[in-house]
Amino acid sequence: MTLEECKKLAGIKAADLIEDGMLIGIGTGSTVFFFIERLIERCKEGLSISAVSSSERSTKQAKAGGITFKDINTITKIDLTVDGADEIDHSKRMIKGGGGALLREKILASTSSSTIIIVDETKTCEKLGKQKLPVEIVHFGIDATIHKINQHGFKGVIRKSADGSIYHTDNNNIIYDIYFEHLLDEPEVDHLKLINIPGVVETGFFFNLANKVIIAYEDGHIEERN
């Protein structure tokens, strides 16, 4: 199977777990795209759900397929969120935010009774740190914030869009992508160093937020980790 076919397999598997009446949190990313496509199919077949989403991109795709949306600002609990990950280890610790929606993704996951992470086998790892770590920061005092990040030993770059302009999140913040020189023994410690810097809104580290992981493999089989 190709990588895209693996992503599709994971997305379909998660969508087939959705039950009538659920309020669903929809994440962001290339694997979630296939989850949304299958969810649209199931709704056309008679499944009745409502949804909220972590990004404008996912919202647009789901709404175009006829999925009903709730106002995220008026809810306090989501039944189930389905999202992807850039990296996930055996303890279900993750790096997320490659698509730029890390803050909203974390809000959805923390509001959900359960969260399913869908990935292909290339996203699994023994230790985090191979992939870049997105850190969402505000515009105000940006140079000072990045200087403080660098003082803690973290090096990275401000994310740019395809046209070379500075990338902005749906919250109109900036992403500073950190690149690690080695794999991480204590990502929780790194998260605390970063999140305590004034100007840092959120990091792409996700801990204790995944209840189930669906992993699709190149040979066509699916692994579920609870």
N, C-alpha and C. Protein backbone atom coordinates (compact mmCIF):
# COMPACT_ATOMS: atom_id res chain seq x y z
N MET A 1 0.84 -1.20 0.00
CA MET A 1 0.00 0.00 0.00
C MET A 1 0.87 1.25 0.00
N THR A 2 0.40 2.30 -0.66
CA THR A 2 1.10 3.57 -0.62
C THR A 2 0.81 4.27 0.71
N LEU A 3 1.57 5.32 0.98
CA LEU A 3 1.36 6.09 2.21
C LEU A 3 -0.04 6.68 2.24
N GLU A 4 -0.51 7.19 1.11
CA GLU A 4 -1.85 7.77 1.04
C GLU A 4 -2.91 6.71 1.32
N GLU A 5 -2.70 5.51 0.82
CA GLU A 5 -3.66 4.42 1.06
C GLU A 5 -3.68 4.02 2.53
N CYS A 6 -2.51 4.08 3.19
CA CYS A 6 -2.46 3.81 4.63
C CYS A 6 -3.26 4.85 5.41
N LYS A 7 -3.08 6.11 5.03
CA LYS A 7 -3.81 7.19 5.69
C LYS A 7 -5.31 7.01 5.51
N LYS A 8 -5.70 6.64 4.30
CA LYS A 8 -7.12 6.43 4.01
C LYS A 8 -7.68 5.29 4.85
N LEU A 9 -6.91 4.22 4.97
CA LEU A 9 -7.34 3.06 5.76
C LEU A 9 -7.59 3.44 7.21
N ALA A 10 -6.66 4.22 7.79
CA ALA A 10 -6.81 4.66 9.18
C ALA A 10 -8.02 5.58 9.34
N GLY A 11 -8.20 6.48 8.38
CA GLY A 11 -9.32 7.41 8.44
C GLY A 11 -10.67 6.71 8.36
N ILE A 12 -10.76 5.72 7.47
CA ILE A 12 -12.01 4.96 7.33
C ILE A 12 -12.31 4.17 8.60
N LYS A 13 -11.28 3.55 9.16
CA LYS A 13 -11.46 2.77 10.39
C LYS A 13 -12.04 3.63 11.51
N ALA A 14 -11.50 4.84 11.68
CA ALA A 14 -11.99 5.74 12.73
C ALA A 14 -13.41 6.20 12.45
N ALA A 15 -13.69 6.54 11.20
CA ALA A 15 -15.03 7.02 10.85
C ALA A 15 -16.09 5.96 11.08
N ASP A 16 -15.73 4.71 10.91
CA ASP A 16 -16.69 3.62 11.10
C ASP A 16 -16.97 3.34 12.58
N LEU A 17 -16.22 4.01 13.48
CA LEU A 17 -16.47 3.87 14.91
C LEU A 17 -17.45 4.92 15.45
N ILE A 18 -17.78 5.90 14.62
CA ILE A 18 -18.66 6.99 15.04
C ILE A 18 -20.10 6.48 15.16
N GLU A 19 -20.77 6.90 16.23
CA GLU A 19 -22.14 6.44 16.49
C GLU A 19 -23.14 7.58 16.41
N ASP A 20 -24.39 7.21 16.14
CA ASP A 20 -25.49 8.18 16.06
C ASP A 20 -25.55 9.06 17.30
N GLY A 21 -25.81 10.35 17.07
CA GLY A 21 -26.02 11.28 18.16
C GLY A 21 -24.78 11.89 18.76
N MET A 22 -23.62 11.46 18.30
CA MET A 22 -22.36 11.97 18.86
C MET A 22 -22.07 13.40 18.41
N LEU A 23 -21.42 14.15 19.31
CA LEU A 23 -20.78 15.41 18.94
C LEU A 23 -19.31 15.10 18.71
N ILE A 24 -18.85 15.28 17.50
CA ILE A 24 -17.52 14.86 17.09
C ILE A 24 -16.57 16.05 16.97
N GLY A 25 -15.38 15.90 17.50
CA GLY A 25 -14.31 16.86 17.28
C GLY A 25 -13.47 16.39 16.10
N ILE A 26 -13.33 17.24 15.10
CA ILE A 26 -12.57 16.89 13.90
C ILE A 26 -11.25 17.64 13.90
N GLY A 27 -10.17 16.89 13.81
CA GLY A 27 -8.84 17.48 13.81
C GLY A 27 -8.43 17.99 12.45
N THR A 28 -7.12 18.03 12.24
CA THR A 28 -6.56 18.63 11.03
C THR A 28 -5.43 17.76 10.49
N GLY A 29 -5.30 17.72 9.18
CA GLY A 29 -4.16 17.03 8.59
C GLY A 29 -4.53 16.09 7.46
N SER A 30 -3.50 15.51 6.85
CA SER A 30 -3.71 14.68 5.66
C SER A 30 -4.44 13.38 5.95
N THR A 31 -4.25 12.81 7.14
CA THR A 31 -4.96 11.58 7.49
C THR A 31 -6.40 11.90 7.88
N VAL A 32 -6.59 13.00 8.58
CA VAL A 32 -7.94 13.43 8.96
C VAL A 32 -8.80 13.72 7.73
N PHE A 33 -8.16 14.17 6.66
CA PHE A 33 -8.89 14.41 5.40
C PHE A 33 -9.71 13.18 5.01
N PHE A 34 -9.10 12.01 5.09
CA PHE A 34 -9.79 10.77 4.71
C PHE A 34 -10.86 10.38 5.73
N PHE A 35 -10.62 10.70 7.00
CA PHE A 35 -11.64 10.49 8.03
C PHE A 35 -12.88 11.31 7.70
N ILE A 36 -12.68 12.57 7.32
CA ILE A 36 -13.81 13.44 6.99
C ILE A 36 -14.57 12.91 5.78
N GLU A 37 -13.84 12.48 4.76
CA GLU A 37 -14.48 11.97 3.55
C GLU A 37 -15.38 10.77 3.87
N ARG A 38 -14.88 9.86 4.70
CA ARG A 38 -15.69 8.69 5.07
C ARG A 38 -16.86 9.10 5.97
N LEU A 39 -16.63 10.08 6.85
CA LEU A 39 -17.70 10.56 7.73
C LEU A 39 -18.83 11.17 6.91
N ILE A 40 -18.47 11.90 5.86
CA ILE A 40 -19.47 12.48 4.95
C ILE A 40 -20.30 11.36 4.32
N GLU A 41 -19.62 10.31 3.86
CA GLU A 41 -20.32 9.16 3.26
C GLU A 41 -21.30 8.55 4.26
N ARG A 42 -20.87 8.38 5.50
CA ARG A 42 -21.72 7.75 6.50
C ARG A 42 -22.94 8.64 6.83
N CYS A 43 -22.73 9.94 6.83
CA CYS A 43 -23.85 10.85 7.09
C CYS A 43 -24.87 10.78 5.95
N LYS A 44 -24.38 10.65 4.73
CA LYS A 44 -25.29 10.51 3.59
C LYS A 44 -26.04 9.19 3.64
N GLU A 45 -25.44 8.20 4.32
CA GLU A 45 -26.08 6.89 4.48
C GLU A 45 -27.07 6.87 5.65
N GLY A 46 -27.12 7.98 6.43
CA GLY A 46 -28.10 8.06 7.50
C GLY A 46 -27.55 8.33 8.89
N LEU A 47 -26.23 8.35 9.05
CA LEU A 47 -25.65 8.66 10.36
C LEU A 47 -25.99 10.09 10.75
N SER A 48 -26.42 10.29 12.00
CA SER A 48 -26.79 11.62 12.48
C SER A 48 -25.81 12.06 13.57
N ILE A 49 -24.99 13.05 13.24
CA ILE A 49 -24.01 13.58 14.19
C ILE A 49 -23.94 15.09 14.05
N SER A 50 -23.22 15.73 14.95
CA SER A 50 -22.84 17.13 14.80
C SER A 50 -21.35 17.22 15.09
N ALA A 51 -20.74 18.33 14.71
CA ALA A 51 -19.28 18.40 14.80
C ALA A 51 -18.78 19.78 15.15
N VAL A 52 -17.56 19.81 15.63
CA VAL A 52 -16.74 21.01 15.75
C VAL A 52 -15.39 20.65 15.15
N SER A 53 -14.59 21.65 14.82
CA SER A 53 -13.34 21.37 14.14
C SER A 53 -12.22 22.27 14.64
N SER A 54 -10.98 21.80 14.48
CA SER A 54 -9.82 22.55 14.95
C SER A 54 -9.26 23.50 13.89
N SER A 55 -9.78 23.46 12.66
CA SER A 55 -9.22 24.34 11.63
C SER A 55 -10.28 24.75 10.62
N GLU A 56 -10.04 25.88 9.98
CA GLU A 56 -10.94 26.35 8.93
C GLU A 56 -10.95 25.37 7.77
N ARG A 57 -9.80 24.76 7.49
CA ARG A 57 -9.70 23.82 6.37
C ARG A 57 -10.61 22.61 6.57
N SER A 58 -10.53 22.01 7.76
CA SER A 58 -11.36 20.84 8.05
C SER A 58 -12.84 21.21 8.09
N THR A 59 -13.14 22.37 8.65
CA THR A 59 -14.52 22.84 8.72
C THR A 59 -15.11 22.99 7.33
N LYS A 60 -14.34 23.61 6.44
CA LYS A 60 -14.81 23.82 5.06
C LYS A 60 -15.09 22.50 4.37
N GLN A 61 -14.19 21.54 4.52
CA GLN A 61 -14.36 20.23 3.88
C GLN A 61 -15.60 19.51 4.41
N ALA A 62 -15.76 19.51 5.74
CA ALA A 62 -16.88 18.79 6.35
C ALA A 62 -18.22 19.46 6.05
N LYS A 63 -18.26 20.78 6.11
CA LYS A 63 -19.50 21.50 5.82
C LYS A 63 -19.92 21.31 4.36
N ALA A 64 -18.93 21.28 3.46
CA ALA A 64 -19.22 21.08 2.04
C ALA A 64 -19.87 19.72 1.81
N GLY A 65 -19.58 18.76 2.70
CA GLY A 65 -20.17 17.44 2.59
C GLY A 65 -21.48 17.28 3.34
N GLY A 66 -21.94 18.37 3.96
CA GLY A 66 -23.24 18.35 4.61
C GLY A 66 -23.23 18.05 6.09
N ILE A 67 -22.06 17.99 6.72
CA ILE A 67 -22.00 17.72 8.16
C ILE A 67 -22.44 18.95 8.94
N THR A 68 -23.28 18.76 9.94
CA THR A 68 -23.80 19.85 10.76
C THR A 68 -22.77 20.26 11.81
N PHE A 69 -22.58 21.57 11.97
CA PHE A 69 -21.59 22.07 12.92
C PHE A 69 -22.23 22.81 14.08
N LYS A 70 -21.61 22.66 15.25
CA LYS A 70 -21.98 23.40 16.45
C LYS A 70 -20.99 24.56 16.63
N ASP A 71 -21.41 25.56 17.39
CA ASP A 71 -20.53 26.67 17.74
C ASP A 71 -19.60 26.21 18.87
N ILE A 72 -18.31 26.15 18.61
CA ILE A 72 -17.34 25.67 19.60
C ILE A 72 -17.38 26.51 20.87
N ASN A 73 -17.81 27.75 20.76
CA ASN A 73 -17.82 28.64 21.92
C ASN A 73 -19.02 28.41 22.85
N THR A 74 -19.90 27.49 22.48
CA THR A 74 -21.09 27.25 23.29
C THR A 74 -21.14 25.84 23.86
N ILE A 75 -20.08 25.05 23.67
CA ILE A 75 -20.09 23.68 24.18
C ILE A 75 -19.02 23.49 25.26
N THR A 76 -19.27 22.55 26.15
CA THR A 76 -18.32 22.26 27.22
C THR A 76 -17.81 20.83 27.18
N LYS A 77 -18.41 20.00 26.31
CA LYS A 77 -17.98 18.61 26.22
C LYS A 77 -18.18 18.08 24.81
N ILE A 78 -17.16 17.36 24.32
CA ILE A 78 -17.21 16.69 23.02
C ILE A 78 -17.19 15.19 23.29
N ASP A 79 -18.01 14.43 22.59
CA ASP A 79 -18.05 12.99 22.83
C ASP A 79 -16.77 12.30 22.38
N LEU A 80 -16.32 12.63 21.18
CA LEU A 80 -15.15 11.95 20.62
C LEU A 80 -14.46 12.86 19.62
N THR A 81 -13.14 12.97 19.75
CA THR A 81 -12.34 13.72 18.78
C THR A 81 -11.45 12.75 18.02
N VAL A 82 -11.33 12.97 16.72
CA VAL A 82 -10.43 12.18 15.88
C VAL A 82 -9.42 13.14 15.25
N ASP A 83 -8.14 12.82 15.42
CA ASP A 83 -7.09 13.71 14.94
C ASP A 83 -5.88 12.88 14.53
N GLY A 84 -4.94 13.51 13.88
CA GLY A 84 -3.70 12.86 13.48
C GLY A 84 -2.56 13.26 14.39
N ALA A 85 -1.34 12.90 14.01
CA ALA A 85 -0.14 13.26 14.77
C ALA A 85 1.06 13.26 13.83
N ASP A 86 2.03 14.10 14.15
CA ASP A 86 3.28 14.11 13.40
C ASP A 86 4.22 13.02 13.90
N GLU A 87 4.16 12.77 15.20
CA GLU A 87 4.93 11.70 15.84
C GLU A 87 4.16 11.20 17.04
N ILE A 88 4.24 9.90 17.31
CA ILE A 88 3.62 9.36 18.52
C ILE A 88 4.46 8.19 19.02
N ASP A 89 4.76 8.19 20.33
CA ASP A 89 5.58 7.11 20.89
C ASP A 89 4.69 6.05 21.55
N HIS A 90 5.32 5.06 22.18
CA HIS A 90 4.56 3.95 22.75
C HIS A 90 3.75 4.36 23.99
N SER A 91 4.10 5.50 24.59
CA SER A 91 3.34 6.02 25.72
C SER A 91 2.23 6.98 25.27
N LYS A 92 2.04 7.06 23.97
CA LYS A 92 1.04 7.93 23.34
C LYS A 92 1.34 9.42 23.56
N ARG A 93 2.61 9.72 23.81
CA ARG A 93 3.05 11.12 23.79
C ARG A 93 3.23 11.52 22.33
N MET A 94 2.85 12.74 22.02
CA MET A 94 2.84 13.15 20.61
C MET A 94 3.49 14.50 20.37
N ILE A 95 3.95 14.68 19.14
CA ILE A 95 4.21 16.00 18.58
C ILE A 95 3.15 16.21 17.51
N LYS A 96 2.44 17.32 17.61
CA LYS A 96 1.38 17.67 16.67
C LYS A 96 1.52 19.14 16.28
N GLY A 97 0.78 19.51 15.24
CA GLY A 97 0.76 20.91 14.83
C GLY A 97 1.47 21.19 13.53
N GLY A 98 1.81 20.13 12.80
CA GLY A 98 2.44 20.34 11.50
C GLY A 98 1.55 21.13 10.56
N GLY A 99 0.23 21.00 10.76
CA GLY A 99 -0.72 21.76 9.96
C GLY A 99 -1.04 23.13 10.53
N GLY A 100 -0.43 23.46 11.67
CA GLY A 100 -0.58 24.80 12.24
C GLY A 100 -1.74 24.98 13.20
N ALA A 101 -2.45 23.89 13.53
CA ALA A 101 -3.67 24.02 14.36
C ALA A 101 -3.48 23.49 15.77
N LEU A 102 -2.26 23.51 16.29
CA LEU A 102 -1.97 22.84 17.56
C LEU A 102 -2.79 23.36 18.74
N LEU A 103 -2.99 24.66 18.84
CA LEU A 103 -3.75 25.21 19.97
C LEU A 103 -5.20 24.73 19.94
N ARG A 104 -5.83 24.85 18.80
CA ARG A 104 -7.23 24.42 18.70
C ARG A 104 -7.35 22.90 18.84
N GLU A 105 -6.36 22.17 18.32
CA GLU A 105 -6.36 20.71 18.47
C GLU A 105 -6.29 20.32 19.94
N LYS A 106 -5.47 21.05 20.70
CA LYS A 106 -5.33 20.72 22.12
C LYS A 106 -6.60 21.07 22.89
N ILE A 107 -7.25 22.15 22.51
CA ILE A 107 -8.52 22.52 23.14
C ILE A 107 -9.57 21.44 22.89
N LEU A 108 -9.67 20.97 21.66
CA LEU A 108 -10.64 19.92 21.34
C LEU A 108 -10.34 18.64 22.12
N ALA A 109 -9.08 18.21 22.09
CA ALA A 109 -8.71 16.96 22.77
C ALA A 109 -8.99 17.03 24.27
N SER A 110 -8.68 18.18 24.88
CA SER A 110 -8.87 18.32 26.33
C SER A 110 -10.34 18.45 26.71
N THR A 111 -11.19 18.76 25.73
CA THR A 111 -12.63 18.90 25.98
C THR A 111 -13.38 17.60 25.69
N SER A 112 -12.68 16.63 25.12
CA SER A 112 -13.32 15.40 24.64
C SER A 112 -13.34 14.30 25.70
N SER A 113 -14.43 13.55 25.73
CA SER A 113 -14.49 12.38 26.60
C SER A 113 -13.50 11.32 26.14
N SER A 114 -13.24 11.27 24.83
CA SER A 114 -12.29 10.31 24.28
C SER A 114 -11.67 10.89 23.02
N THR A 115 -10.41 10.56 22.77
CA THR A 115 -9.72 11.02 21.57
C THR A 115 -9.06 9.84 20.87
N ILE A 116 -9.32 9.73 19.57
CA ILE A 116 -8.69 8.71 18.74
C ILE A 116 -7.66 9.39 17.84
N ILE A 117 -6.45 8.87 17.84
CA ILE A 117 -5.39 9.38 16.97
C ILE A 117 -5.21 8.41 15.81
N ILE A 118 -5.23 8.93 14.59
CA ILE A 118 -5.09 8.08 13.40
C ILE A 118 -3.79 8.45 12.68
N VAL A 119 -2.95 7.44 12.44
CA VAL A 119 -1.66 7.66 11.80
C VAL A 119 -1.30 6.48 10.89
N ASP A 120 -0.36 6.72 10.00
CA ASP A 120 0.27 5.62 9.28
C ASP A 120 1.52 5.22 10.06
N GLU A 121 2.10 4.10 9.71
CA GLU A 121 3.20 3.55 10.49
C GLU A 121 4.43 4.45 10.57
N THR A 122 4.61 5.37 9.61
CA THR A 122 5.79 6.24 9.62
C THR A 122 5.75 7.26 10.76
N LYS A 123 4.59 7.44 11.37
CA LYS A 123 4.45 8.44 12.44
C LYS A 123 4.76 7.87 13.83
N THR A 124 4.96 6.57 13.92
CA THR A 124 5.27 5.96 15.21
C THR A 124 6.77 6.03 15.48
N CYS A 125 7.14 6.11 16.75
CA CYS A 125 8.56 6.24 17.10
C CYS A 125 8.81 5.71 18.51
N GLU A 126 10.08 5.45 18.80
CA GLU A 126 10.48 5.06 20.16
C GLU A 126 10.59 6.29 21.05
N LYS A 127 11.17 7.37 20.49
CA LYS A 127 11.32 8.63 21.21
C LYS A 127 10.92 9.78 20.29
N LEU A 128 10.33 10.81 20.88
CA LEU A 128 9.98 12.01 20.12
C LEU A 128 11.23 12.82 19.80
N GLY A 129 11.12 13.65 18.76
CA GLY A 129 12.20 14.58 18.47
C GLY A 129 12.73 14.56 17.06
N LYS A 130 12.33 13.57 16.29
CA LYS A 130 12.78 13.53 14.90
C LYS A 130 12.07 14.60 14.08
N GLN A 131 10.80 14.80 14.37
CA GLN A 131 10.02 15.82 13.67
C GLN A 131 10.17 17.18 14.36
N LYS A 132 9.91 18.23 13.62
CA LYS A 132 9.96 19.58 14.19
C LYS A 132 8.85 19.75 15.22
N LEU A 133 9.09 20.60 16.20
CA LEU A 133 8.09 20.90 17.22
C LEU A 133 7.52 22.29 16.96
N PRO A 134 6.25 22.40 16.58
CA PRO A 134 5.64 23.71 16.41
C PRO A 134 5.37 24.36 17.76
N VAL A 135 5.70 25.63 17.86
CA VAL A 135 5.40 26.42 19.06
C VAL A 135 4.64 27.66 18.60
N GLU A 136 3.43 27.85 19.12
CA GLU A 136 2.62 28.99 18.73
C GLU A 136 2.95 30.17 19.62
N ILE A 137 3.28 31.30 18.99
CA ILE A 137 3.66 32.50 19.75
C ILE A 137 2.90 33.72 19.21
N VAL A 138 2.74 34.72 20.08
CA VAL A 138 2.03 35.93 19.68
C VAL A 138 2.98 36.89 18.97
N HIS A 139 2.38 37.83 18.23
CA HIS A 139 3.17 38.83 17.50
C HIS A 139 3.93 39.75 18.45
N PHE A 140 3.25 40.19 19.50
CA PHE A 140 3.82 41.20 20.39
C PHE A 140 5.12 40.69 21.02
N GLY A 141 6.19 41.43 20.83
CA GLY A 141 7.48 41.06 21.42
C GLY A 141 8.07 39.80 20.83
N ILE A 142 7.82 39.55 19.56
CA ILE A 142 8.21 38.28 18.95
C ILE A 142 9.71 38.01 19.04
N ASP A 143 10.53 39.04 18.79
CA ASP A 143 11.99 38.82 18.85
C ASP A 143 12.44 38.46 20.26
N ALA A 144 11.83 39.12 21.26
CA ALA A 144 12.18 38.82 22.65
C ALA A 144 11.75 37.40 23.02
N THR A 145 10.58 36.99 22.55
CA THR A 145 10.10 35.64 22.84
C THR A 145 11.02 34.60 22.23
N ILE A 146 11.38 34.79 20.97
CA ILE A 146 12.27 33.84 20.30
C ILE A 146 13.65 33.82 20.96
N HIS A 147 14.11 34.99 21.41
CA HIS A 147 15.40 35.06 22.10
C HIS A 147 15.37 34.21 23.38
N LYS A 148 14.27 34.31 24.12
CA LYS A 148 14.14 33.50 25.34
C LYS A 148 14.09 32.01 25.01
N ILE A 149 13.38 31.66 23.94
CA ILE A 149 13.34 30.26 23.50
C ILE A 149 14.76 29.77 23.19
N ASN A 150 15.51 30.58 22.47
CA ASN A 150 16.89 30.22 22.12
C ASN A 150 17.78 30.10 23.35
N GLN A 151 17.54 30.96 24.35
CA GLN A 151 18.34 30.92 25.58
C GLN A 151 18.16 29.59 26.33
N HIS A 152 17.04 28.95 26.12
CA HIS A 152 16.79 27.64 26.74
C HIS A 152 17.41 26.50 25.93
N GLY A 153 18.10 26.86 24.85
CA GLY A 153 18.77 25.85 24.05
C GLY A 153 17.98 25.32 22.87
N PHE A 154 16.84 25.94 22.58
CA PHE A 154 16.01 25.50 21.46
C PHE A 154 16.27 26.38 20.24
N LYS A 155 16.50 25.76 19.10
CA LYS A 155 16.75 26.49 17.86
C LYS A 155 15.69 26.15 16.83
N GLY A 156 15.30 27.15 16.06
CA GLY A 156 14.28 26.90 15.05
C GLY A 156 14.13 28.06 14.09
N VAL A 157 13.01 28.06 13.38
CA VAL A 157 12.73 29.10 12.39
C VAL A 157 11.25 29.47 12.46
N ILE A 158 10.96 30.71 12.08
CA ILE A 158 9.57 31.14 11.95
C ILE A 158 8.99 30.48 10.70
N ARG A 159 7.84 29.88 10.84
CA ARG A 159 7.23 29.18 9.71
C ARG A 159 6.78 30.17 8.63
N LYS A 160 7.04 29.79 7.39
CA LYS A 160 6.64 30.62 6.25
C LYS A 160 5.59 29.88 5.41
N SER A 161 4.76 30.64 4.74
CA SER A 161 3.80 30.08 3.80
C SER A 161 4.50 29.80 2.48
N ALA A 162 3.80 29.16 1.56
CA ALA A 162 4.39 28.78 0.27
C ALA A 162 4.89 29.99 -0.51
N ASP A 163 4.24 31.14 -0.31
CA ASP A 163 4.65 32.35 -1.04
C ASP A 163 5.77 33.11 -0.36
N GLY A 164 6.29 32.56 0.74
CA GLY A 164 7.41 33.19 1.44
C GLY A 164 7.01 34.15 2.55
N SER A 165 5.72 34.42 2.69
CA SER A 165 5.26 35.30 3.76
C SER A 165 5.18 34.52 5.07
N ILE A 166 5.16 35.25 6.18
CA ILE A 166 5.07 34.60 7.48
C ILE A 166 3.71 33.90 7.61
N TYR A 167 3.76 32.64 8.03
CA TYR A 167 2.53 31.86 8.21
C TYR A 167 1.80 32.32 9.47
N HIS A 168 0.48 32.43 9.37
CA HIS A 168 -0.34 32.79 10.52
C HIS A 168 -1.36 31.68 10.78
N THR A 169 -1.55 31.36 12.05
CA THR A 169 -2.53 30.36 12.43
C THR A 169 -3.93 30.95 12.29
N ASP A 170 -4.94 30.09 12.46
CA ASP A 170 -6.33 30.57 12.44
C ASP A 170 -6.59 31.53 13.59
N ASN A 171 -5.71 31.53 14.61
CA ASN A 171 -5.81 32.47 15.73
C ASN A 171 -5.01 33.74 15.47
N ASN A 172 -4.44 33.86 14.26
CA ASN A 172 -3.59 34.98 13.85
C ASN A 172 -2.30 35.07 14.66
N ASN A 173 -1.83 33.93 15.13
CA ASN A 173 -0.53 33.86 15.79
C ASN A 173 0.52 33.32 14.83
N ILE A 174 1.76 33.25 15.30
CA ILE A 174 2.90 32.81 14.50
C ILE A 174 3.36 31.44 15.00
N ILE A 175 3.90 30.63 14.11
CA ILE A 175 4.47 29.34 14.49
C ILE A 175 5.99 29.42 14.41
N TYR A 176 6.64 29.06 15.51
CA TYR A 176 8.10 28.92 15.53
C TYR A 176 8.39 27.43 15.58
N ASP A 177 8.98 26.91 14.51
CA ASP A 177 9.26 25.48 14.41
C ASP A 177 10.65 25.17 14.97
N ILE A 178 10.68 24.38 16.03
CA ILE A 178 11.93 23.99 16.68
C ILE A 178 12.42 22.67 16.09
N TYR A 179 13.72 22.62 15.79
CA TYR A 179 14.35 21.40 15.29
C TYR A 179 15.33 20.88 16.33
N PHE A 180 15.18 19.63 16.71
CA PHE A 180 16.02 19.05 17.75
C PHE A 180 17.25 18.37 17.16
N GLU A 181 18.36 18.45 17.88
CA GLU A 181 19.60 17.82 17.44
C GLU A 181 19.67 16.37 17.87
N HIS A 182 18.81 15.98 18.80
CA HIS A 182 18.80 14.60 19.30
C HIS A 182 17.39 14.23 19.73
N LEU A 183 17.13 12.95 19.87
CA LEU A 183 15.82 12.50 20.34
C LEU A 183 15.63 12.87 21.81
N LEU A 184 14.40 12.98 22.23
CA LEU A 184 14.08 13.55 23.55
C LEU A 184 13.85 12.48 24.60
N ASP A 185 14.59 12.59 25.71
CA ASP A 185 14.40 11.67 26.83
C ASP A 185 13.27 12.13 27.74
N GLU A 186 13.11 13.46 27.87
CA GLU A 186 12.09 14.01 28.77
C GLU A 186 11.33 15.14 28.07
N PRO A 187 10.46 14.82 27.13
CA PRO A 187 9.73 15.87 26.43
C PRO A 187 8.86 16.72 27.35
N GLU A 188 8.40 16.13 28.46
CA GLU A 188 7.60 16.92 29.41
C GLU A 188 8.40 18.08 29.98
N VAL A 189 9.68 17.86 30.22
CA VAL A 189 10.55 18.93 30.73
C VAL A 189 10.72 20.02 29.69
N ASP A 190 10.91 19.62 28.44
CA ASP A 190 11.04 20.61 27.36
C ASP A 190 9.76 21.42 27.20
N HIS A 191 8.62 20.77 27.32
CA HIS A 191 7.35 21.48 27.24
C HIS A 191 7.25 22.55 28.33
N LEU A 192 7.60 22.19 29.56
CA LEU A 192 7.51 23.14 30.67
C LEU A 192 8.43 24.33 30.47
N LYS A 193 9.62 24.10 29.96
CA LYS A 193 10.55 25.20 29.69
C LYS A 193 9.93 26.19 28.70
N LEU A 194 9.29 25.66 27.68
CA LEU A 194 8.74 26.51 26.62
C LEU A 194 7.45 27.20 27.03
N ILE A 195 6.54 26.48 27.66
CA ILE A 195 5.21 27.02 27.96
C ILE A 195 5.28 28.11 29.02
N ASN A 196 6.35 28.14 29.80
CA ASN A 196 6.50 29.16 30.84
C ASN A 196 7.17 30.44 30.33
N ILE A 197 7.47 30.50 29.05
CA ILE A 197 8.03 31.71 28.46
C ILE A 197 6.88 32.64 28.07
N PRO A 198 6.85 33.87 28.59
CA PRO A 198 5.80 34.81 28.18
C PRO A 198 5.86 35.04 26.67
N GLY A 199 4.72 34.96 26.02
CA GLY A 199 4.67 35.09 24.57
C GLY A 199 4.42 33.77 23.88
N VAL A 200 4.75 32.67 24.56
CA VAL A 200 4.44 31.34 24.03
C VAL A 200 3.00 31.00 24.41
N VAL A 201 2.18 30.74 23.41
CA VAL A 201 0.78 30.41 23.64
C VAL A 201 0.61 28.93 23.93
N GLU A 202 1.26 28.09 23.11
CA GLU A 202 1.14 26.64 23.28
C GLU A 202 2.26 25.94 22.53
N THR A 203 2.58 24.72 22.95
CA THR A 203 3.56 23.90 22.24
C THR A 203 2.85 22.73 21.57
N GLY A 204 3.55 22.12 20.62
CA GLY A 204 3.01 20.97 19.92
C GLY A 204 3.18 19.65 20.64
N PHE A 205 3.65 19.69 21.89
CA PHE A 205 3.70 18.47 22.70
C PHE A 205 2.30 18.15 23.20
N PHE A 206 1.87 16.91 23.03
CA PHE A 206 0.57 16.46 23.54
C PHE A 206 0.82 15.26 24.44
N PHE A 207 0.42 15.39 25.70
CA PHE A 207 0.59 14.30 26.68
C PHE A 207 -0.76 13.93 27.28
N ASN A 208 -0.97 12.64 27.48
CA ASN A 208 -2.17 12.14 28.17
C ASN A 208 -3.48 12.58 27.52
N LEU A 209 -3.48 12.68 26.20
CA LEU A 209 -4.67 13.13 25.50
C LEU A 209 -5.18 12.13 24.47
N ALA A 210 -4.46 11.03 24.26
CA ALA A 210 -4.90 10.01 23.30
C ALA A 210 -5.42 8.79 24.04
N ASN A 211 -6.67 8.43 23.79
CA ASN A 211 -7.25 7.23 24.40
C ASN A 211 -7.06 6.00 23.54
N LYS A 212 -7.10 6.18 22.25
CA LYS A 212 -6.89 5.08 21.30
C LYS A 212 -6.05 5.58 20.14
N VAL A 213 -5.16 4.72 19.64
CA VAL A 213 -4.36 5.04 18.46
C VAL A 213 -4.64 3.99 17.40
N ILE A 214 -4.98 4.44 16.21
CA ILE A 214 -5.19 3.55 15.07
C ILE A 214 -4.02 3.74 14.11
N ILE A 215 -3.26 2.66 13.89
CA ILE A 215 -2.07 2.73 13.04
C ILE A 215 -2.29 1.84 11.82
N ALA A 216 -2.16 2.43 10.63
CA ALA A 216 -2.29 1.67 9.39
C ALA A 216 -0.90 1.37 8.84
N TYR A 217 -0.69 0.11 8.45
CA TYR A 217 0.61 -0.35 7.97
C TYR A 217 0.60 -0.59 6.46
N GLU A 218 1.80 -0.53 5.89
CA GLU A 218 1.97 -0.67 4.45
C GLU A 218 1.45 -2.01 3.93
N ASP A 219 1.48 -3.04 4.78
CA ASP A 219 1.00 -4.36 4.34
C ASP A 219 -0.52 -4.49 4.42
N GLY A 220 -1.19 -3.40 4.86
CA GLY A 220 -2.65 -3.38 4.86
C GLY A 220 -3.31 -3.70 6.18
N HIS A 221 -2.53 -4.06 7.20
CA HIS A 221 -3.17 -4.36 8.48
C HIS A 221 -3.24 -3.12 9.36
N ILE A 222 -4.15 -3.16 10.31
CA ILE A 222 -4.38 -2.04 11.23
C ILE A 222 -4.11 -2.50 12.65
N GLU A 223 -3.37 -1.68 13.38
CA GLU A 223 -3.13 -1.93 14.80
C GLU A 223 -3.89 -0.89 15.61
N GLU A 224 -4.51 -1.34 16.69
CA GLU A 224 -5.20 -0.43 17.60
C GLU A 224 -4.53 -0.52 18.97
N ARG A 225 -4.10 0.63 19.47
CA ARG A 225 -3.49 0.70 20.80
C ARG A 225 -4.43 1.47 21.73
N ASN A 226 -4.77 0.83 22.85
CA ASN A 226 -5.66 1.47 23.82
C ASN A 226 -4.87 1.93 25.05
